[in-house]
């Protein structure tokens, strides 16, 4: 997916009290996680580079976020359970919307076919 749901209230709650630097790292971490399909690379040095974490203070902020987000290493990479749940919610919503759109399309086609049959 090229997008993910952004809940401003949850974002504000999750980032309340963080420095601007930490909020920037948080956003980049969420984006990187999403881009990599629900996983951060196993080699932490890879995602440190991708996040642009270079200084000691940035590393401190990242480590604090890692602890707060409950990152777990499954041996194949790092997972963020909260974002995983969000993705599942979005997938379910997307399936529902697709089904509704398909039903509306079928109904519209049936009406068009019915109307064109009346014209003959």
N, C-alpha and C. Protein backbone atom coordinates (compact mmCIF):
# COMPACT_ATOMS: atom_id res chain seq x y z
N UNK A 1 0.84 -1.18 0.00
CA UNK A 1 0.00 0.00 0.00
C UNK A 1 0.88 1.24 0.00
N UNK A 2 0.46 2.23 -0.73
CA UNK A 2 1.24 3.45 -0.80
C UNK A 2 0.79 4.49 0.22
N UNK A 3 -0.21 4.17 1.02
CA UNK A 3 -0.70 5.11 2.01
C UNK A 3 -1.11 4.35 3.26
N UNK A 4 -1.22 5.06 4.35
CA UNK A 4 -1.81 4.48 5.55
C UNK A 4 -2.63 5.52 6.27
N UNK A 5 -3.58 5.06 7.01
CA UNK A 5 -4.49 5.92 7.74
C UNK A 5 -3.70 6.72 8.78
N UNK A 6 -3.95 8.01 8.82
CA UNK A 6 -3.32 8.86 9.82
C UNK A 6 -4.42 9.39 10.72
N UNK A 7 -4.39 9.00 11.96
CA UNK A 7 -5.36 9.46 12.95
C UNK A 7 -4.71 10.59 13.73
N UNK A 8 -5.09 11.84 13.45
CA UNK A 8 -4.44 12.98 14.12
C UNK A 8 -4.52 12.92 15.64
N UNK A 9 -5.64 12.49 16.18
CA UNK A 9 -5.77 12.42 17.64
C UNK A 9 -4.80 11.40 18.22
N UNK A 10 -4.70 10.23 17.60
CA UNK A 10 -3.77 9.21 18.08
C UNK A 10 -2.33 9.67 17.90
N UNK A 11 -2.05 10.32 16.77
CA UNK A 11 -0.71 10.84 16.53
C UNK A 11 -0.33 11.84 17.62
N UNK A 12 -1.23 12.77 17.91
CA UNK A 12 -0.94 13.75 18.97
C UNK A 12 -0.74 13.07 20.32
N UNK A 13 -1.55 12.06 20.59
CA UNK A 13 -1.42 11.32 21.85
C UNK A 13 -0.08 10.59 21.89
N UNK A 14 0.28 9.95 20.79
CA UNK A 14 1.53 9.17 20.73
C UNK A 14 2.77 10.06 20.80
N UNK A 15 2.66 11.29 20.30
CA UNK A 15 3.85 12.14 20.23
C UNK A 15 3.85 13.26 21.27
N UNK A 16 2.84 13.29 22.13
CA UNK A 16 2.75 14.34 23.15
C UNK A 16 4.02 14.34 24.02
N UNK A 17 4.62 15.49 24.16
CA UNK A 17 5.79 15.62 25.00
C UNK A 17 7.11 15.29 24.32
N UNK A 18 7.06 14.82 23.07
CA UNK A 18 8.29 14.51 22.35
C UNK A 18 8.88 15.80 21.75
N UNK A 19 10.17 15.83 21.62
CA UNK A 19 10.82 16.95 20.94
C UNK A 19 10.46 16.91 19.46
N UNK A 20 10.65 18.03 18.77
CA UNK A 20 10.40 18.06 17.33
C UNK A 20 11.28 17.04 16.61
N UNK A 21 12.50 16.87 17.08
CA UNK A 21 13.40 15.88 16.49
C UNK A 21 12.83 14.48 16.63
N UNK A 22 12.32 14.15 17.82
CA UNK A 22 11.76 12.82 18.05
C UNK A 22 10.50 12.60 17.23
N UNK A 23 9.67 13.65 17.06
CA UNK A 23 8.46 13.53 16.24
C UNK A 23 8.85 13.25 14.79
N UNK A 24 9.87 13.93 14.30
CA UNK A 24 10.34 13.69 12.94
C UNK A 24 10.82 12.25 12.75
N UNK A 25 11.55 11.75 13.73
CA UNK A 25 12.03 10.36 13.66
C UNK A 25 10.84 9.40 13.72
N UNK A 26 9.85 9.71 14.55
CA UNK A 26 8.64 8.89 14.67
C UNK A 26 7.94 8.79 13.31
N UNK A 27 7.74 9.93 12.66
CA UNK A 27 7.05 9.94 11.36
C UNK A 27 7.85 9.14 10.33
N UNK A 28 9.14 9.37 10.28
CA UNK A 28 9.97 8.65 9.31
C UNK A 28 9.99 7.15 9.61
N UNK A 29 9.96 6.79 10.88
CA UNK A 29 9.93 5.38 11.28
C UNK A 29 8.64 4.73 10.81
N UNK A 30 7.51 5.41 11.00
CA UNK A 30 6.22 4.87 10.56
C UNK A 30 6.20 4.71 9.04
N UNK A 31 6.68 5.73 8.33
CA UNK A 31 6.71 5.65 6.87
C UNK A 31 7.60 4.51 6.38
N UNK A 32 8.78 4.40 6.96
CA UNK A 32 9.71 3.35 6.55
C UNK A 32 9.11 1.97 6.82
N UNK A 33 8.46 1.82 7.95
CA UNK A 33 7.82 0.56 8.30
C UNK A 33 6.76 0.19 7.27
N UNK A 34 5.96 1.17 6.90
CA UNK A 34 4.89 0.92 5.94
C UNK A 34 5.45 0.58 4.57
N UNK A 35 6.46 1.33 4.14
CA UNK A 35 7.09 1.10 2.84
C UNK A 35 7.67 -0.30 2.74
N UNK A 36 8.22 -0.79 3.86
CA UNK A 36 8.83 -2.12 3.89
C UNK A 36 7.83 -3.22 4.23
N UNK A 37 6.56 -2.93 4.04
CA UNK A 37 5.48 -3.90 4.22
C UNK A 37 5.47 -4.53 5.60
N UNK A 38 5.32 -3.69 6.59
CA UNK A 38 5.15 -4.10 7.97
C UNK A 38 6.38 -4.73 8.60
N UNK A 39 7.51 -4.24 8.23
CA UNK A 39 8.72 -4.77 8.85
C UNK A 39 9.85 -3.81 8.62
N UNK A 40 10.67 -3.61 9.63
CA UNK A 40 11.92 -2.88 9.45
C UNK A 40 13.00 -3.90 9.18
N UNK A 41 13.96 -3.56 8.34
CA UNK A 41 15.02 -4.52 8.02
C UNK A 41 15.71 -5.08 9.27
N UNK A 42 16.15 -6.31 9.15
CA UNK A 42 16.81 -6.98 10.28
C UNK A 42 18.07 -6.24 10.72
N UNK A 43 18.80 -5.69 9.76
CA UNK A 43 20.02 -4.96 10.09
C UNK A 43 19.65 -3.53 10.48
N UNK A 44 19.80 -3.24 11.74
CA UNK A 44 19.44 -1.93 12.25
C UNK A 44 20.21 -0.81 11.55
N UNK A 45 21.44 -1.07 11.14
CA UNK A 45 22.24 -0.05 10.46
C UNK A 45 21.58 0.41 9.16
N UNK A 46 20.85 -0.49 8.50
CA UNK A 46 20.17 -0.16 7.25
C UNK A 46 19.08 0.88 7.52
N UNK A 47 18.24 0.62 8.51
CA UNK A 47 17.16 1.57 8.74
C UNK A 47 17.63 2.81 9.49
N UNK A 48 18.74 2.74 10.19
CA UNK A 48 19.30 3.97 10.78
C UNK A 48 19.69 4.93 9.66
N UNK A 49 20.31 4.39 8.62
CA UNK A 49 20.69 5.20 7.47
C UNK A 49 19.44 5.72 6.77
N UNK A 50 18.45 4.87 6.57
CA UNK A 50 17.23 5.27 5.88
C UNK A 50 16.45 6.32 6.67
N UNK A 51 16.55 6.28 7.98
CA UNK A 51 15.88 7.28 8.82
C UNK A 51 16.69 8.56 8.94
N UNK A 52 17.96 8.49 8.59
CA UNK A 52 18.82 9.66 8.72
C UNK A 52 19.24 9.93 10.15
N UNK A 53 19.29 8.87 10.96
CA UNK A 53 19.70 9.01 12.36
C UNK A 53 21.23 8.98 12.40
N UNK A 54 21.81 10.11 12.74
CA UNK A 54 23.26 10.23 12.71
C UNK A 54 23.86 10.65 14.05
N UNK A 55 23.19 11.52 14.75
CA UNK A 55 23.77 12.07 15.98
C UNK A 55 23.40 11.22 17.20
N UNK A 56 24.09 11.47 18.27
CA UNK A 56 23.82 10.74 19.52
C UNK A 56 22.43 11.08 20.04
N UNK A 57 22.02 12.35 19.92
CA UNK A 57 20.69 12.73 20.42
C UNK A 57 19.59 12.09 19.57
N UNK A 58 19.82 11.97 18.27
CA UNK A 58 18.85 11.29 17.41
C UNK A 58 18.77 9.81 17.77
N UNK A 59 19.90 9.21 18.06
CA UNK A 59 19.93 7.80 18.46
C UNK A 59 19.19 7.61 19.79
N UNK A 60 19.37 8.55 20.71
CA UNK A 60 18.66 8.48 21.99
C UNK A 60 17.15 8.55 21.76
N UNK A 61 16.72 9.48 20.89
CA UNK A 61 15.30 9.60 20.59
C UNK A 61 14.76 8.33 19.93
N UNK A 62 15.52 7.78 18.99
CA UNK A 62 15.09 6.57 18.32
C UNK A 62 14.96 5.41 19.30
N UNK A 63 15.94 5.25 20.17
CA UNK A 63 15.88 4.16 21.16
C UNK A 63 14.69 4.32 22.09
N UNK A 64 14.38 5.57 22.47
CA UNK A 64 13.20 5.81 23.31
C UNK A 64 11.94 5.39 22.56
N UNK A 65 11.85 5.77 21.28
CA UNK A 65 10.68 5.40 20.48
C UNK A 65 10.57 3.89 20.31
N UNK A 66 11.68 3.24 20.07
CA UNK A 66 11.68 1.78 19.91
C UNK A 66 11.09 1.12 21.15
N UNK A 67 11.50 1.61 22.32
CA UNK A 67 10.97 1.05 23.57
C UNK A 67 9.48 1.34 23.72
N UNK A 68 9.07 2.56 23.40
CA UNK A 68 7.66 2.93 23.56
C UNK A 68 6.76 2.19 22.57
N UNK A 69 7.24 1.98 21.36
CA UNK A 69 6.43 1.32 20.33
C UNK A 69 6.43 -0.20 20.46
N UNK A 70 7.30 -0.71 21.30
CA UNK A 70 7.33 -2.15 21.51
C UNK A 70 7.83 -2.92 20.32
N UNK A 71 8.84 -2.39 19.63
CA UNK A 71 9.41 -3.11 18.50
C UNK A 71 9.87 -4.49 18.93
N UNK A 72 9.59 -5.46 18.11
CA UNK A 72 9.98 -6.84 18.40
C UNK A 72 10.75 -7.39 17.21
N UNK A 73 11.86 -8.03 17.48
CA UNK A 73 12.65 -8.65 16.43
C UNK A 73 12.18 -10.09 16.29
N UNK A 74 11.63 -10.43 15.11
CA UNK A 74 11.14 -11.80 14.90
C UNK A 74 12.19 -12.66 14.20
N UNK A 75 13.43 -12.17 14.12
CA UNK A 75 14.50 -12.92 13.47
C UNK A 75 14.64 -12.59 11.99
N UNK A 76 13.58 -11.99 11.45
CA UNK A 76 13.57 -11.63 10.03
C UNK A 76 13.46 -10.12 9.85
N UNK A 77 13.35 -9.41 10.95
CA UNK A 77 13.19 -7.97 10.93
C UNK A 77 12.47 -7.51 12.18
N UNK A 78 12.19 -6.22 12.24
CA UNK A 78 11.53 -5.65 13.42
C UNK A 78 10.08 -5.33 13.10
N UNK A 79 9.20 -5.67 14.03
CA UNK A 79 7.76 -5.46 13.88
C UNK A 79 7.29 -4.38 14.84
N UNK A 80 6.22 -3.65 14.44
CA UNK A 80 5.58 -2.66 15.30
C UNK A 80 4.12 -3.09 15.45
N UNK A 81 3.78 -3.74 16.56
CA UNK A 81 2.43 -4.30 16.72
C UNK A 81 1.29 -3.30 16.52
N UNK A 82 1.43 -2.06 17.01
CA UNK A 82 0.36 -1.08 16.88
C UNK A 82 0.09 -0.75 15.42
N UNK A 83 1.12 -0.59 14.64
CA UNK A 83 0.94 -0.30 13.22
C UNK A 83 0.41 -1.52 12.47
N UNK A 84 0.78 -2.70 12.92
CA UNK A 84 0.25 -3.93 12.31
C UNK A 84 -1.27 -3.97 12.47
N UNK A 85 -1.76 -3.63 13.66
CA UNK A 85 -3.20 -3.63 13.90
C UNK A 85 -3.88 -2.60 13.01
N UNK A 86 -3.26 -1.45 12.86
CA UNK A 86 -3.81 -0.41 12.00
C UNK A 86 -3.92 -0.90 10.56
N UNK A 87 -2.91 -1.61 10.09
CA UNK A 87 -2.92 -2.14 8.72
C UNK A 87 -4.05 -3.15 8.56
N UNK A 88 -4.24 -4.01 9.53
CA UNK A 88 -5.33 -4.99 9.45
C UNK A 88 -6.68 -4.29 9.40
N UNK A 89 -6.85 -3.24 10.20
CA UNK A 89 -8.10 -2.48 10.18
C UNK A 89 -8.33 -1.87 8.80
N UNK A 90 -7.28 -1.31 8.22
CA UNK A 90 -7.39 -0.68 6.91
C UNK A 90 -7.70 -1.71 5.84
N UNK A 91 -7.05 -2.87 5.90
CA UNK A 91 -7.34 -3.93 4.92
C UNK A 91 -8.80 -4.34 4.98
N UNK A 92 -9.31 -4.51 6.20
CA UNK A 92 -10.72 -4.88 6.36
C UNK A 92 -11.64 -3.82 5.80
N UNK A 93 -11.34 -2.56 6.08
CA UNK A 93 -12.13 -1.44 5.57
C UNK A 93 -12.07 -1.40 4.05
N UNK A 94 -10.89 -1.61 3.48
CA UNK A 94 -10.72 -1.59 2.03
C UNK A 94 -11.53 -2.69 1.36
N UNK A 95 -11.55 -3.87 1.96
CA UNK A 95 -12.32 -4.98 1.42
C UNK A 95 -13.81 -4.63 1.44
N UNK A 96 -14.27 -4.04 2.54
CA UNK A 96 -15.68 -3.63 2.64
C UNK A 96 -16.02 -2.60 1.57
N UNK A 97 -15.16 -1.59 1.40
CA UNK A 97 -15.42 -0.55 0.41
C UNK A 97 -15.43 -1.12 -1.00
N UNK A 98 -14.52 -2.04 -1.28
CA UNK A 98 -14.46 -2.66 -2.60
C UNK A 98 -15.74 -3.46 -2.87
N UNK A 99 -16.20 -4.17 -1.87
CA UNK A 99 -17.42 -4.96 -2.01
C UNK A 99 -18.63 -4.04 -2.25
N UNK A 100 -18.70 -2.95 -1.51
CA UNK A 100 -19.81 -2.00 -1.70
C UNK A 100 -19.77 -1.39 -3.10
N UNK A 101 -18.58 -1.00 -3.55
CA UNK A 101 -18.45 -0.41 -4.88
C UNK A 101 -18.85 -1.41 -5.95
N UNK A 102 -18.46 -2.65 -5.78
CA UNK A 102 -18.81 -3.69 -6.74
C UNK A 102 -20.33 -3.89 -6.79
N UNK A 103 -20.97 -3.89 -5.63
CA UNK A 103 -22.42 -4.04 -5.58
C UNK A 103 -23.12 -2.88 -6.27
N UNK A 104 -22.64 -1.65 -6.00
CA UNK A 104 -23.25 -0.47 -6.65
C UNK A 104 -23.08 -0.54 -8.17
N UNK A 105 -21.92 -0.99 -8.62
CA UNK A 105 -21.66 -1.10 -10.06
C UNK A 105 -22.63 -2.12 -10.68
N UNK A 106 -22.80 -3.26 -10.03
CA UNK A 106 -23.71 -4.29 -10.55
C UNK A 106 -25.14 -3.78 -10.61
N UNK A 107 -25.55 -3.05 -9.57
CA UNK A 107 -26.91 -2.49 -9.55
C UNK A 107 -27.09 -1.49 -10.69
N UNK A 108 -26.11 -0.63 -10.92
CA UNK A 108 -26.17 0.36 -11.99
C UNK A 108 -26.25 -0.33 -13.34
N UNK A 109 -25.45 -1.37 -13.54
CA UNK A 109 -25.47 -2.11 -14.81
C UNK A 109 -26.83 -2.77 -15.03
N UNK A 110 -27.41 -3.33 -13.98
CA UNK A 110 -28.71 -3.98 -14.11
C UNK A 110 -29.78 -2.98 -14.51
N UNK A 111 -29.73 -1.78 -13.94
CA UNK A 111 -30.70 -0.75 -14.28
C UNK A 111 -30.50 -0.32 -15.73
N UNK A 112 -29.26 -0.16 -16.17
CA UNK A 112 -28.97 0.23 -17.56
C UNK A 112 -29.48 -0.83 -18.54
N UNK A 113 -29.24 -2.09 -18.22
CA UNK A 113 -29.69 -3.19 -19.10
C UNK A 113 -31.21 -3.22 -19.13
N UNK A 114 -31.82 -3.04 -17.98
CA UNK A 114 -33.28 -3.04 -17.89
C UNK A 114 -33.87 -1.88 -18.70
N UNK A 115 -33.28 -0.72 -18.59
CA UNK A 115 -33.76 0.46 -19.33
C UNK A 115 -33.57 0.29 -20.83
N UNK A 116 -32.44 -0.28 -21.23
CA UNK A 116 -32.21 -0.45 -22.67
C UNK A 116 -33.15 -1.51 -23.25
N UNK A 117 -33.54 -2.50 -22.44
CA UNK A 117 -34.50 -3.50 -22.91
C UNK A 117 -35.86 -2.89 -23.14
N UNK A 118 -36.23 -1.90 -22.33
CA UNK A 118 -37.51 -1.22 -22.48
C UNK A 118 -37.56 -0.40 -23.77
N UNK A 119 -36.39 0.06 -24.21
CA UNK A 119 -36.33 0.89 -25.40
C UNK A 119 -36.63 0.10 -26.67
N UNK A 120 -36.55 -1.21 -26.63
CA UNK A 120 -36.81 -2.03 -27.81
C UNK A 120 -38.22 -2.34 -27.93
